[in-house]
Structures are given as structure tokens and as C-alpha cells.
mmCIF file of all heavy atoms, coordinates in Angstrom:
data_MODEL
# 
_entry.id   MODEL 
# 
loop_
_atom_site.group_PDB 
_atom_site.id 
_atom_site.type_symbol 
_atom_site.label_atom_id 
_atom_site.label_alt_id 
_atom_site.label_comp_id 
_atom_site.label_asym_id 
_atom_site.label_entity_id 
_atom_site.label_seq_id 
_atom_site.pdbx_PDB_ins_code 
_atom_site.Cartn_x 
_atom_site.Cartn_y 
_atom_site.Cartn_z 
_atom_site.occupancy 
_atom_site.B_iso_or_equiv 
_atom_site.pdbx_formal_charge 
_atom_site.auth_seq_id 
_atom_site.auth_comp_id 
_atom_site.auth_asym_id 
_atom_site.auth_atom_id 
_atom_site.pdbx_PDB_model_num 
ATOM 1   N N   . VAL A 1 1  ? 0.847  -1.192 -0.001 1.00 0.00 ? 1  VAL A N   1 
ATOM 2   C CA  . VAL A 1 1  ? 0.009  -0.004 0.008  1.00 0.00 ? 1  VAL A CA  1 
ATOM 3   C C   . VAL A 1 1  ? 0.887  1.238  0.001  1.00 0.00 ? 1  VAL A C   1 
ATOM 4   O O   . VAL A 1 1  ? 1.660  1.451  0.940  1.00 0.00 ? 1  VAL A O   1 
ATOM 5   C CB  . VAL A 1 1  ? -0.941 0.015  1.221  1.00 0.00 ? 1  VAL A CB  1 
ATOM 6   C CG1 . VAL A 1 1  ? -1.727 1.331  1.290  1.00 0.00 ? 1  VAL A CG1 1 
ATOM 7   C CG2 . VAL A 1 1  ? -1.888 -1.176 1.165  1.00 0.00 ? 1  VAL A CG2 1 
ATOM 8   N N   . PRO A 1 2  ? 0.802  2.059  -1.047 1.00 0.00 ? 2  PRO A N   1 
ATOM 9   C CA  . PRO A 1 2  ? 1.542  3.313  -1.041 1.00 0.00 ? 2  PRO A CA  1 
ATOM 10  C C   . PRO A 1 2  ? 1.187  4.107  0.212  1.00 0.00 ? 2  PRO A C   1 
ATOM 11  O O   . PRO A 1 2  ? 0.003  4.210  0.563  1.00 0.00 ? 2  PRO A O   1 
ATOM 12  C CB  . PRO A 1 2  ? 1.054  4.030  -2.296 1.00 0.00 ? 2  PRO A CB  1 
ATOM 13  C CG  . PRO A 1 2  ? 0.505  2.940  -3.159 1.00 0.00 ? 2  PRO A CG  1 
ATOM 14  C CD  . PRO A 1 2  ? -0.036 1.909  -2.227 1.00 0.00 ? 2  PRO A CD  1 
ATOM 15  N N   . THR A 1 3  ? 2.193  4.641  0.867  1.00 0.00 ? 3  THR A N   1 
ATOM 16  C CA  . THR A 1 3  ? 1.952  5.271  2.157  1.00 0.00 ? 3  THR A CA  1 
ATOM 17  C C   . THR A 1 3  ? 2.705  6.582  2.288  1.00 0.00 ? 3  THR A C   1 
ATOM 18  O O   . THR A 1 3  ? 3.864  6.685  1.889  1.00 0.00 ? 3  THR A O   1 
ATOM 19  C CB  . THR A 1 3  ? 2.387  4.316  3.292  1.00 0.00 ? 3  THR A CB  1 
ATOM 20  O OG1 . THR A 1 3  ? 1.656  3.089  3.172  1.00 0.00 ? 3  THR A OG1 1 
ATOM 21  C CG2 . THR A 1 3  ? 2.121  4.907  4.667  1.00 0.00 ? 3  THR A CG2 1 
ATOM 22  N N   . LEU A 1 4  ? 2.033  7.539  2.875  1.00 0.00 ? 4  LEU A N   1 
ATOM 23  C CA  . LEU A 1 4  ? 2.659  8.784  3.315  1.00 0.00 ? 4  LEU A CA  1 
ATOM 24  C C   . LEU A 1 4  ? 2.898  8.618  4.799  1.00 0.00 ? 4  LEU A C   1 
ATOM 25  O O   . LEU A 1 4  ? 1.945  8.562  5.593  1.00 0.00 ? 4  LEU A O   1 
ATOM 26  C CB  . LEU A 1 4  ? 1.762  9.998  3.032  1.00 0.00 ? 4  LEU A CB  1 
ATOM 27  C CG  . LEU A 1 4  ? 2.157  11.319 3.672  1.00 0.00 ? 4  LEU A CG  1 
ATOM 28  C CD1 . LEU A 1 4  ? 3.583  11.733 3.285  1.00 0.00 ? 4  LEU A CD1 1 
ATOM 29  C CD2 . LEU A 1 4  ? 1.151  12.407 3.312  1.00 0.00 ? 4  LEU A CD2 1 
ATOM 30  N N   . PHE A 1 5  ? 4.166  8.490  5.190  1.00 0.00 ? 5  PHE A N   1 
ATOM 31  C CA  . PHE A 1 5  ? 4.507  8.297  6.599  1.00 0.00 ? 5  PHE A CA  1 
ATOM 32  C C   . PHE A 1 5  ? 4.739  9.662  7.251  1.00 0.00 ? 5  PHE A C   1 
ATOM 33  O O   . PHE A 1 5  ? 5.413  10.522 6.722  1.00 0.00 ? 5  PHE A O   1 
ATOM 34  C CB  . PHE A 1 5  ? 5.768  7.441  6.751  1.00 0.00 ? 5  PHE A CB  1 
ATOM 35  C CG  . PHE A 1 5  ? 5.529  5.989  6.451  1.00 0.00 ? 5  PHE A CG  1 
ATOM 36  C CD1 . PHE A 1 5  ? 6.079  5.420  5.315  1.00 0.00 ? 5  PHE A CD1 1 
ATOM 37  C CD2 . PHE A 1 5  ? 4.759  5.201  7.292  1.00 0.00 ? 5  PHE A CD2 1 
ATOM 38  C CE1 . PHE A 1 5  ? 5.874  4.084  5.021  1.00 0.00 ? 5  PHE A CE1 1 
ATOM 39  C CE2 . PHE A 1 5  ? 4.540  3.863  7.012  1.00 0.00 ? 5  PHE A CE2 1 
ATOM 40  C CZ  . PHE A 1 5  ? 5.109  3.301  5.878  1.00 0.00 ? 5  PHE A CZ  1 
ATOM 41  N N   . LEU A 1 6  ? 4.156  9.783  8.452  1.00 0.00 ? 6  LEU A N   1 
ATOM 42  C CA  . LEU A 1 6  ? 4.331  10.953 9.306  1.00 0.00 ? 6  LEU A CA  1 
ATOM 43  C C   . LEU A 1 6  ? 4.864  10.450 10.639 1.00 0.00 ? 6  LEU A C   1 
ATOM 44  O O   . LEU A 1 6  ? 4.092  10.144 11.548 1.00 0.00 ? 6  LEU A O   1 
ATOM 45  C CB  . LEU A 1 6  ? 2.996  11.692 9.524  1.00 0.00 ? 6  LEU A CB  1 
ATOM 46  C CG  . LEU A 1 6  ? 2.232  12.112 8.297  1.00 0.00 ? 6  LEU A CG  1 
ATOM 47  C CD1 . LEU A 1 6  ? 0.874  12.671 8.672  1.00 0.00 ? 6  LEU A CD1 1 
ATOM 48  C CD2 . LEU A 1 6  ? 3.019  13.098 7.483  1.00 0.00 ? 6  LEU A CD2 1 
ATOM 49  N N   . PRO A 1 7  ? 6.193  10.309 10.765 1.00 0.00 ? 7  PRO A N   1 
ATOM 50  C CA  . PRO A 1 7  ? 6.732  9.767  12.006 1.00 0.00 ? 7  PRO A CA  1 
ATOM 51  C C   . PRO A 1 7  ? 6.249  10.532 13.240 1.00 0.00 ? 7  PRO A C   1 
ATOM 52  O O   . PRO A 1 7  ? 6.051  11.758 13.194 1.00 0.00 ? 7  PRO A O   1 
ATOM 53  C CB  . PRO A 1 7  ? 8.240  9.926  11.836 1.00 0.00 ? 7  PRO A CB  1 
ATOM 54  C CG  . PRO A 1 7  ? 8.450  9.967  10.356 1.00 0.00 ? 7  PRO A CG  1 
ATOM 55  C CD  . PRO A 1 7  ? 7.238  10.657 9.809  1.00 0.00 ? 7  PRO A CD  1 
ATOM 56  N N   . TYR A 1 8  ? 6.045  9.787  14.300 1.00 0.00 ? 8  TYR A N   1 
ATOM 57  C CA  . TYR A 1 8  ? 5.567  10.363 15.557 1.00 0.00 ? 8  TYR A CA  1 
ATOM 58  C C   . TYR A 1 8  ? 6.495  11.502 15.981 1.00 0.00 ? 8  TYR A C   1 
ATOM 59  O O   . TYR A 1 8  ? 7.693  11.293 16.175 1.00 0.00 ? 8  TYR A O   1 
ATOM 60  C CB  . TYR A 1 8  ? 5.529  9.273  16.627 1.00 0.00 ? 8  TYR A CB  1 
ATOM 61  C CG  . TYR A 1 8  ? 4.911  9.686  17.929 1.00 0.00 ? 8  TYR A CG  1 
ATOM 62  C CD1 . TYR A 1 8  ? 3.564  9.955  18.042 1.00 0.00 ? 8  TYR A CD1 1 
ATOM 63  C CD2 . TYR A 1 8  ? 5.700  9.791  19.065 1.00 0.00 ? 8  TYR A CD2 1 
ATOM 64  C CE1 . TYR A 1 8  ? 2.993  10.329 19.239 1.00 0.00 ? 8  TYR A CE1 1 
ATOM 65  C CE2 . TYR A 1 8  ? 5.141  10.171 20.275 1.00 0.00 ? 8  TYR A CE2 1 
ATOM 66  C CZ  . TYR A 1 8  ? 3.789  10.430 20.358 1.00 0.00 ? 8  TYR A CZ  1 
ATOM 67  O OH  . TYR A 1 8  ? 3.229  10.785 21.552 1.00 0.00 ? 8  TYR A OH  1 
ATOM 68  N N   . PRO A 1 9  ? 5.961  12.722 16.122 1.00 0.00 ? 9  PRO A N   1 
ATOM 69  C CA  . PRO A 1 9  ? 6.829  13.876 16.305 1.00 0.00 ? 9  PRO A CA  1 
ATOM 70  C C   . PRO A 1 9  ? 7.294  14.109 17.744 1.00 0.00 ? 9  PRO A C   1 
ATOM 71  O O   . PRO A 1 9  ? 8.138  14.968 17.977 1.00 0.00 ? 9  PRO A O   1 
ATOM 72  C CB  . PRO A 1 9  ? 5.946  15.044 15.860 1.00 0.00 ? 9  PRO A CB  1 
ATOM 73  C CG  . PRO A 1 9  ? 4.562  14.591 16.164 1.00 0.00 ? 9  PRO A CG  1 
ATOM 74  C CD  . PRO A 1 9  ? 4.564  13.100 15.912 1.00 0.00 ? 9  PRO A CD  1 
ATOM 75  N N   . TYR A 1 10 ? 6.790  13.333 18.692 1.00 0.00 ? 10 TYR A N   1 
ATOM 76  C CA  . TYR A 1 10 ? 7.129  13.590 20.082 1.00 0.00 ? 10 TYR A CA  1 
ATOM 77  C C   . TYR A 1 10 ? 8.283  12.726 20.603 1.00 0.00 ? 10 TYR A C   1 
ATOM 78  O O   . TYR A 1 10 ? 8.692  12.912 21.748 1.00 0.00 ? 10 TYR A O   1 
ATOM 79  C CB  . TYR A 1 10 ? 5.894  13.408 20.963 1.00 0.00 ? 10 TYR A CB  1 
ATOM 80  C CG  . TYR A 1 10 ? 4.810  14.410 20.632 1.00 0.00 ? 10 TYR A CG  1 
ATOM 81  C CD1 . TYR A 1 10 ? 3.698  14.024 19.884 1.00 0.00 ? 10 TYR A CD1 1 
ATOM 82  C CD2 . TYR A 1 10 ? 4.894  15.713 21.051 1.00 0.00 ? 10 TYR A CD2 1 
ATOM 83  C CE1 . TYR A 1 10 ? 2.709  14.935 19.569 1.00 0.00 ? 10 TYR A CE1 1 
ATOM 84  C CE2 . TYR A 1 10 ? 3.915  16.643 20.733 1.00 0.00 ? 10 TYR A CE2 1 
ATOM 85  C CZ  . TYR A 1 10 ? 2.827  16.241 19.995 1.00 0.00 ? 10 TYR A CZ  1 
ATOM 86  O OH  . TYR A 1 10 ? 1.847  17.154 19.673 1.00 0.00 ? 10 TYR A OH  1 
ATOM 87  N N   . HIS A 1 11 ? 8.790  11.820 19.803 1.00 0.00 ? 11 HIS A N   1 
ATOM 88  C CA  . HIS A 1 11 ? 9.993  11.068 20.227 1.00 0.00 ? 11 HIS A CA  1 
ATOM 89  C C   . HIS A 1 11 ? 11.185 12.003 20.064 1.00 0.00 ? 11 HIS A C   1 
ATOM 90  O O   . HIS A 1 11 ? 11.382 12.588 19.002 1.00 0.00 ? 11 HIS A O   1 
ATOM 91  C CB  . HIS A 1 11 ? 10.211 9.823  19.356 1.00 0.00 ? 11 HIS A CB  1 
ATOM 92  C CG  . HIS A 1 11 ? 9.251  8.716  19.585 1.00 0.00 ? 11 HIS A CG  1 
ATOM 93  N ND1 . HIS A 1 11 ? 9.162  8.059  20.791 1.00 0.00 ? 11 HIS A ND1 1 
ATOM 94  C CD2 . HIS A 1 11 ? 8.328  8.177  18.778 1.00 0.00 ? 11 HIS A CD2 1 
ATOM 95  C CE1 . HIS A 1 11 ? 8.213  7.129  20.702 1.00 0.00 ? 11 HIS A CE1 1 
ATOM 96  N NE2 . HIS A 1 11 ? 7.692  7.182  19.491 1.00 0.00 ? 11 HIS A NE2 1 
ATOM 97  N N   . ARG A 1 12 ? 11.967 12.095 21.107 1.00 0.00 ? 12 ARG A N   1 
ATOM 98  C CA  . ARG A 1 12 ? 13.100 13.026 21.081 1.00 0.00 ? 12 ARG A CA  1 
ATOM 99  C C   . ARG A 1 12 ? 14.063 12.720 19.949 1.00 0.00 ? 12 ARG A C   1 
ATOM 100 O O   . ARG A 1 12 ? 14.563 13.609 19.276 1.00 0.00 ? 12 ARG A O   1 
ATOM 101 C CB  . ARG A 1 12 ? 13.822 12.993 22.429 1.00 0.00 ? 12 ARG A CB  1 
ATOM 102 C CG  . ARG A 1 12 ? 14.894 14.038 22.529 1.00 0.00 ? 12 ARG A CG  1 
ATOM 103 C CD  . ARG A 1 12 ? 15.495 14.149 23.908 1.00 0.00 ? 12 ARG A CD  1 
ATOM 104 N NE  . ARG A 1 12 ? 15.584 12.843 24.546 1.00 0.00 ? 12 ARG A NE  1 
ATOM 105 C CZ  . ARG A 1 12 ? 15.786 12.654 25.813 1.00 0.00 ? 12 ARG A CZ  1 
ATOM 106 N NH1 . ARG A 1 12 ? 15.914 13.695 26.606 1.00 0.00 ? 12 ARG A NH1 1 
ATOM 107 N NH2 . ARG A 1 12 ? 15.860 11.459 26.339 1.00 0.00 ? 12 ARG A NH2 1 
ATOM 108 N N   . ASP A 1 13 ? 14.287 11.422 19.673 1.00 0.00 ? 13 ASP A N   1 
ATOM 109 C CA  . ASP A 1 13 ? 15.246 11.056 18.626 1.00 0.00 ? 13 ASP A CA  1 
ATOM 110 C C   . ASP A 1 13 ? 14.602 10.838 17.255 1.00 0.00 ? 13 ASP A C   1 
ATOM 111 O O   . ASP A 1 13 ? 15.276 10.537 16.288 1.00 0.00 ? 13 ASP A O   1 
ATOM 112 C CB  . ASP A 1 13 ? 16.038 9.827  19.020 1.00 0.00 ? 13 ASP A CB  1 
ATOM 113 C CG  . ASP A 1 13 ? 15.170 8.592  19.189 1.00 0.00 ? 13 ASP A CG  1 
ATOM 114 O OD1 . ASP A 1 13 ? 13.914 8.673  19.039 1.00 0.00 ? 13 ASP A OD1 1 
ATOM 115 O OD2 . ASP A 1 13 ? 15.723 7.506  19.447 1.00 0.00 ? 13 ASP A OD2 1 
ATOM 116 N N   . LEU A 1 14 ? 13.280 10.987 17.182 1.00 0.00 ? 14 LEU A N   1 
ATOM 117 C CA  . LEU A 1 14 ? 12.542 10.810 15.932 1.00 0.00 ? 14 LEU A CA  1 
ATOM 118 C C   . LEU A 1 14 ? 12.899 9.501  15.227 1.00 0.00 ? 14 LEU A C   1 
ATOM 119 O O   . LEU A 1 14 ? 13.019 9.417  14.008 1.00 0.00 ? 14 LEU A O   1 
ATOM 120 C CB  . LEU A 1 14 ? 12.773 12.004 14.992 1.00 0.00 ? 14 LEU A CB  1 
ATOM 121 C CG  . LEU A 1 14 ? 12.299 13.352 15.546 1.00 0.00 ? 14 LEU A CG  1 
ATOM 122 C CD1 . LEU A 1 14 ? 12.678 14.479 14.592 1.00 0.00 ? 14 LEU A CD1 1 
ATOM 123 C CD2 . LEU A 1 14 ? 10.813 13.365 15.813 1.00 0.00 ? 14 LEU A CD2 1 
ATOM 124 N N   . HIS A 1 15 ? 13.065 8.434  16.030 1.00 0.00 ? 15 HIS A N   1 
ATOM 125 C CA  . HIS A 1 15 ? 13.515 7.148  15.499 1.00 0.00 ? 15 HIS A CA  1 
ATOM 126 C C   . HIS A 1 15 ? 12.565 6.516  14.483 1.00 0.00 ? 15 HIS A C   1 
ATOM 127 O O   . HIS A 1 15 ? 12.980 5.678  13.700 1.00 0.00 ? 15 HIS A O   1 
ATOM 128 C CB  . HIS A 1 15 ? 13.791 6.161  16.640 1.00 0.00 ? 15 HIS A CB  1 
ATOM 129 C CG  . HIS A 1 15 ? 12.561 5.735  17.356 1.00 0.00 ? 15 HIS A CG  1 
ATOM 130 N ND1 . HIS A 1 15 ? 12.095 6.419  18.439 1.00 0.00 ? 15 HIS A ND1 1 
ATOM 131 C CD2 . HIS A 1 15 ? 11.716 4.714  17.148 1.00 0.00 ? 15 HIS A CD2 1 
ATOM 132 C CE1 . HIS A 1 15 ? 10.988 5.824  18.883 1.00 0.00 ? 15 HIS A CE1 1 
ATOM 133 N NE2 . HIS A 1 15 ? 10.724 4.794  18.111 1.00 0.00 ? 15 HIS A NE2 1 
ATOM 134 N N   . GLN A 1 16 ? 11.287 6.894  14.466 1.00 0.00 ? 16 GLN A N   1 
ATOM 135 C CA  . GLN A 1 16 ? 10.376 6.293  13.497 1.00 0.00 ? 16 GLN A CA  1 
ATOM 136 C C   . GLN A 1 16 ? 10.788 6.606  12.056 1.00 0.00 ? 16 GLN A C   1 
ATOM 137 O O   . GLN A 1 16 ? 10.465 5.844  11.149 1.00 0.00 ? 16 GLN A O   1 
ATOM 138 C CB  . GLN A 1 16 ? 8.929  6.732  13.743 1.00 0.00 ? 16 GLN A CB  1 
ATOM 139 C CG  . GLN A 1 16 ? 8.286  6.036  14.914 1.00 0.00 ? 16 GLN A CG  1 
ATOM 140 C CD  . GLN A 1 16 ? 6.792  6.230  14.946 1.00 0.00 ? 16 GLN A CD  1 
ATOM 141 O OE1 . GLN A 1 16 ? 6.217  6.991  14.154 1.00 0.00 ? 16 GLN A OE1 1 
ATOM 142 N NE2 . GLN A 1 16 ? 6.145  5.575  15.875 1.00 0.00 ? 16 GLN A NE2 1 
ATOM 143 N N   . ARG A 1 17 ? 11.506 7.683  11.853 1.00 0.00 ? 17 ARG A N   1 
ATOM 144 C CA  . ARG A 1 17 ? 11.995 7.992  10.503 1.00 0.00 ? 17 ARG A CA  1 
ATOM 145 C C   . ARG A 1 17 ? 12.841 6.837  9.965  1.00 0.00 ? 17 ARG A C   1 
ATOM 146 O O   . ARG A 1 17 ? 12.764 6.503  8.778  1.00 0.00 ? 17 ARG A O   1 
ATOM 147 C CB  . ARG A 1 17 ? 12.819 9.268  10.498 1.00 0.00 ? 17 ARG A CB  1 
ATOM 148 C CG  . ARG A 1 17 ? 12.030 10.527 10.815 1.00 0.00 ? 17 ARG A CG  1 
ATOM 149 C CD  . ARG A 1 17 ? 12.871 11.767 10.679 1.00 0.00 ? 17 ARG A CD  1 
ATOM 150 N NE  . ARG A 1 17 ? 13.250 12.003 9.282  1.00 0.00 ? 17 ARG A NE  1 
ATOM 151 C CZ  . ARG A 1 17 ? 12.456 12.517 8.358  1.00 0.00 ? 17 ARG A CZ  1 
ATOM 152 N NH1 . ARG A 1 17 ? 11.214 12.847 8.673  1.00 0.00 ? 17 ARG A NH1 1 
ATOM 153 N NH2 . ARG A 1 17 ? 12.875 12.708 7.125  1.00 0.00 ? 17 ARG A NH2 1 
ATOM 154 N N   . LEU A 1 18 ? 13.640 6.229  10.833 1.00 0.00 ? 18 LEU A N   1 
ATOM 155 C CA  . LEU A 1 18 ? 14.513 5.132  10.422 1.00 0.00 ? 18 LEU A CA  1 
ATOM 156 C C   . LEU A 1 18 ? 13.702 3.917  9.941  1.00 0.00 ? 18 LEU A C   1 
ATOM 157 O O   . LEU A 1 18 ? 14.144 3.201  9.061  1.00 0.00 ? 18 LEU A O   1 
ATOM 158 C CB  . LEU A 1 18 ? 15.442 4.726  11.562 1.00 0.00 ? 18 LEU A CB  1 
ATOM 159 C CG  . LEU A 1 18 ? 16.393 5.818  12.050 1.00 0.00 ? 18 LEU A CG  1 
ATOM 160 C CD1 . LEU A 1 18 ? 17.166 5.344  13.277 1.00 0.00 ? 18 LEU A CD1 1 
ATOM 161 C CD2 . LEU A 1 18 ? 17.334 6.249  10.930 1.00 0.00 ? 18 LEU A CD2 1 
ATOM 162 N N   . ASN A 1 19 ? 12.548 3.716  10.561 1.00 0.00 ? 19 ASN A N   1 
ATOM 163 C CA  . ASN A 1 19 ? 11.687 2.581  10.149 1.00 0.00 ? 19 ASN A CA  1 
ATOM 164 C C   . ASN A 1 19 ? 11.209 2.748  8.710  1.00 0.00 ? 19 ASN A C   1 
ATOM 165 O O   . ASN A 1 19 ? 11.155 1.795  7.947  1.00 0.00 ? 19 ASN A O   1 
ATOM 166 C CB  . ASN A 1 19 ? 10.466 2.457  11.062 1.00 0.00 ? 19 ASN A CB  1 
ATOM 167 C CG  . ASN A 1 19 ? 10.802 2.142  12.494 1.00 0.00 ? 19 ASN A CG  1 
ATOM 168 O OD1 . ASN A 1 19 ? 11.836 1.542  12.777 1.00 0.00 ? 19 ASN A OD1 1 
ATOM 169 N ND2 . ASN A 1 19 ? 9.950  2.552  13.410 1.00 0.00 ? 19 ASN A ND2 1 
ATOM 170 N N   . ALA A 1 20 ? 10.820 3.949  8.354  1.00 0.00 ? 20 ALA A N   1 
ATOM 171 C CA  . ALA A 1 20 ? 10.204 4.189  7.040  1.00 0.00 ? 20 ALA A CA  1 
ATOM 172 C C   . ALA A 1 20 ? 11.218 4.417  5.932  1.00 0.00 ? 20 ALA A C   1 
ATOM 173 O O   . ALA A 1 20 ? 10.903 4.249  4.750  1.00 0.00 ? 20 ALA A O   1 
ATOM 174 C CB  . ALA A 1 20 ? 9.263  5.381  7.121  1.00 0.00 ? 20 ALA A CB  1 
ATOM 175 N N   . GLU A 1 21 ? 12.429 4.802  6.256  1.00 0.00 ? 21 GLU A N   1 
ATOM 176 C CA  . GLU A 1 21 ? 13.407 5.166  5.248  1.00 0.00 ? 21 GLU A CA  1 
ATOM 177 C C   . GLU A 1 21 ? 13.641 4.105  4.171  1.00 0.00 ? 21 GLU A C   1 
ATOM 178 O O   . GLU A 1 21 ? 13.754 4.453  2.998  1.00 0.00 ? 21 GLU A O   1 
ATOM 179 C CB  . GLU A 1 21 ? 14.713 5.607  5.878  1.00 0.00 ? 21 GLU A CB  1 
ATOM 180 C CG  . GLU A 1 21 ? 14.640 7.026  6.415  1.00 0.00 ? 21 GLU A CG  1 
ATOM 181 C CD  . GLU A 1 21 ? 15.904 7.489  7.097  1.00 0.00 ? 21 GLU A CD  1 
ATOM 182 O OE1 . GLU A 1 21 ? 16.865 6.696  7.238  1.00 0.00 ? 21 GLU A OE1 1 
ATOM 183 O OE2 . GLU A 1 21 ? 15.922 8.659  7.513  1.00 0.00 ? 21 GLU A OE2 1 
ATOM 184 N N   . PRO A 1 22 ? 13.708 2.819  4.485  1.00 0.00 ? 22 PRO A N   1 
ATOM 185 C CA  . PRO A 1 22 ? 13.914 1.845  3.417  1.00 0.00 ? 22 PRO A CA  1 
ATOM 186 C C   . PRO A 1 22 ? 12.802 1.854  2.360  1.00 0.00 ? 22 PRO A C   1 
ATOM 187 O O   . PRO A 1 22 ? 13.075 1.781  1.161  1.00 0.00 ? 22 PRO A O   1 
ATOM 188 C CB  . PRO A 1 22 ? 13.976 0.494  4.142  1.00 0.00 ? 22 PRO A CB  1 
ATOM 189 C CG  . PRO A 1 22 ? 14.408 0.832  5.527  1.00 0.00 ? 22 PRO A CG  1 
ATOM 190 C CD  . PRO A 1 22 ? 13.798 2.169  5.815  1.00 0.00 ? 22 PRO A CD  1 
ATOM 191 N N   . LEU A 1 23 ? 11.555 1.996  2.781  1.00 0.00 ? 23 LEU A N   1 
ATOM 192 C CA  . LEU A 1 23 ? 10.448 2.030  1.829  1.00 0.00 ? 23 LEU A CA  1 
ATOM 193 C C   . LEU A 1 23 ? 10.491 3.332  1.022  1.00 0.00 ? 23 LEU A C   1 
ATOM 194 O O   . LEU A 1 23 ? 10.177 3.332  -0.168 1.00 0.00 ? 23 LEU A O   1 
ATOM 195 C CB  . LEU A 1 23 ? 9.100  1.909  2.527  1.00 0.00 ? 23 LEU A CB  1 
ATOM 196 C CG  . LEU A 1 23 ? 8.566  0.474  2.659  1.00 0.00 ? 23 LEU A CG  1 
ATOM 197 C CD1 . LEU A 1 23 ? 9.456  -0.393 3.471  1.00 0.00 ? 23 LEU A CD1 1 
ATOM 198 C CD2 . LEU A 1 23 ? 7.175  0.519  3.222  1.00 0.00 ? 23 LEU A CD2 1 
ATOM 199 N N   . VAL A 1 24 ? 10.875 4.423  1.648  1.00 0.00 ? 24 VAL A N   1 
ATOM 200 C CA  . VAL A 1 24 ? 10.983 5.698  0.955  1.00 0.00 ? 24 VAL A CA  1 
ATOM 201 C C   . VAL A 1 24 ? 12.100 5.622  -0.083 1.00 0.00 ? 24 VAL A C   1 
ATOM 202 O O   . VAL A 1 24 ? 11.915 6.026  -1.233 1.00 0.00 ? 24 VAL A O   1 
ATOM 203 C CB  . VAL A 1 24 ? 11.219 6.855  1.962  1.00 0.00 ? 24 VAL A CB  1 
ATOM 204 C CG1 . VAL A 1 24 ? 11.526 8.146  1.232  1.00 0.00 ? 24 VAL A CG1 1 
ATOM 205 C CG2 . VAL A 1 24 ? 10.014 7.008  2.871  1.00 0.00 ? 24 VAL A CG2 1 
ATOM 206 N N   . ARG A 1 25 ? 13.263 5.095  0.309  1.00 0.00 ? 25 ARG A N   1 
ATOM 207 C CA  . ARG A 1 25 ? 14.410 4.984  -0.633 1.00 0.00 ? 25 ARG A CA  1 
ATOM 208 C C   . ARG A 1 25 ? 14.057 4.147  -1.848 1.00 0.00 ? 25 ARG A C   1 
ATOM 209 O O   . ARG A 1 25 ? 14.463 4.448  -2.951 1.00 0.00 ? 25 ARG A O   1 
ATOM 210 C CB  . ARG A 1 25 ? 15.619 4.383  0.072  1.00 0.00 ? 25 ARG A CB  1 
ATOM 211 C CG  . ARG A 1 25 ? 16.438 5.408  0.839  1.00 0.00 ? 25 ARG A CG  1 
ATOM 212 C CD  . ARG A 1 25 ? 17.810 4.895  1.199  1.00 0.00 ? 25 ARG A CD  1 
ATOM 213 N NE  . ARG A 1 25 ? 17.794 3.639  1.919  1.00 0.00 ? 25 ARG A NE  1 
ATOM 214 C CZ  . ARG A 1 25 ? 17.690 3.510  3.229  1.00 0.00 ? 25 ARG A CZ  1 
ATOM 215 N NH1 . ARG A 1 25 ? 17.597 4.565  3.990  1.00 0.00 ? 25 ARG A NH1 1 
ATOM 216 N NH2 . ARG A 1 25 ? 17.694 2.313  3.807  1.00 0.00 ? 25 ARG A NH2 1 
ATOM 217 N N   . MET A 1 26 ? 13.296 3.082  -1.648 1.00 0.00 ? 26 MET A N   1 
ATOM 218 C CA  . MET A 1 26 ? 12.951 2.203  -2.783 1.00 0.00 ? 26 MET A CA  1 
ATOM 219 C C   . MET A 1 26 ? 11.837 2.784  -3.633 1.00 0.00 ? 26 MET A C   1 
ATOM 220 O O   . MET A 1 26 ? 11.588 2.279  -4.724 1.00 0.00 ? 26 MET A O   1 
ATOM 221 C CB  . MET A 1 26 ? 12.632 0.786  -2.305 1.00 0.00 ? 26 MET A CB  1 
ATOM 222 C CG  . MET A 1 26 ? 11.369 0.691  -1.488 1.00 0.00 ? 26 MET A CG  1 
ATOM 223 S SD  . MET A 1 26 ? 11.155 -0.879 -0.605 1.00 0.00 ? 26 MET A SD  1 
ATOM 224 C CE  . MET A 1 26 ? 10.916 -2.023 -1.899 1.00 0.00 ? 26 MET A CE  1 
ATOM 225 N N   . GLY A 1 27 ? 11.148 3.801  -3.143 1.00 0.00 ? 27 GLY A N   1 
ATOM 226 C CA  . GLY A 1 27 ? 10.102 4.440  -3.922 1.00 0.00 ? 27 GLY A CA  1 
ATOM 227 C C   . GLY A 1 27 ? 8.695  3.939  -3.652 1.00 0.00 ? 27 GLY A C   1 
ATOM 228 O O   . GLY A 1 27 ? 7.759  4.295  -4.363 1.00 0.00 ? 27 GLY A O   1 
# 
């Protein structure tokens, strides 16, 4: 499912970005 990810903004290290990056890199 094509997804627009909005990582949870209240984590100090914004670690959810790391979860989504592989799918973003692959398109």
C-alpha cells in the first residue's frame, strides 16, 4: 500500500523515521 509516513513527532530522537526510510528509498 503506497503510504505517506508521518513519524511520531514527540519522540526526542525521531527514530520512526529510520523505520520508514527503506520504503521511501525504494520508492
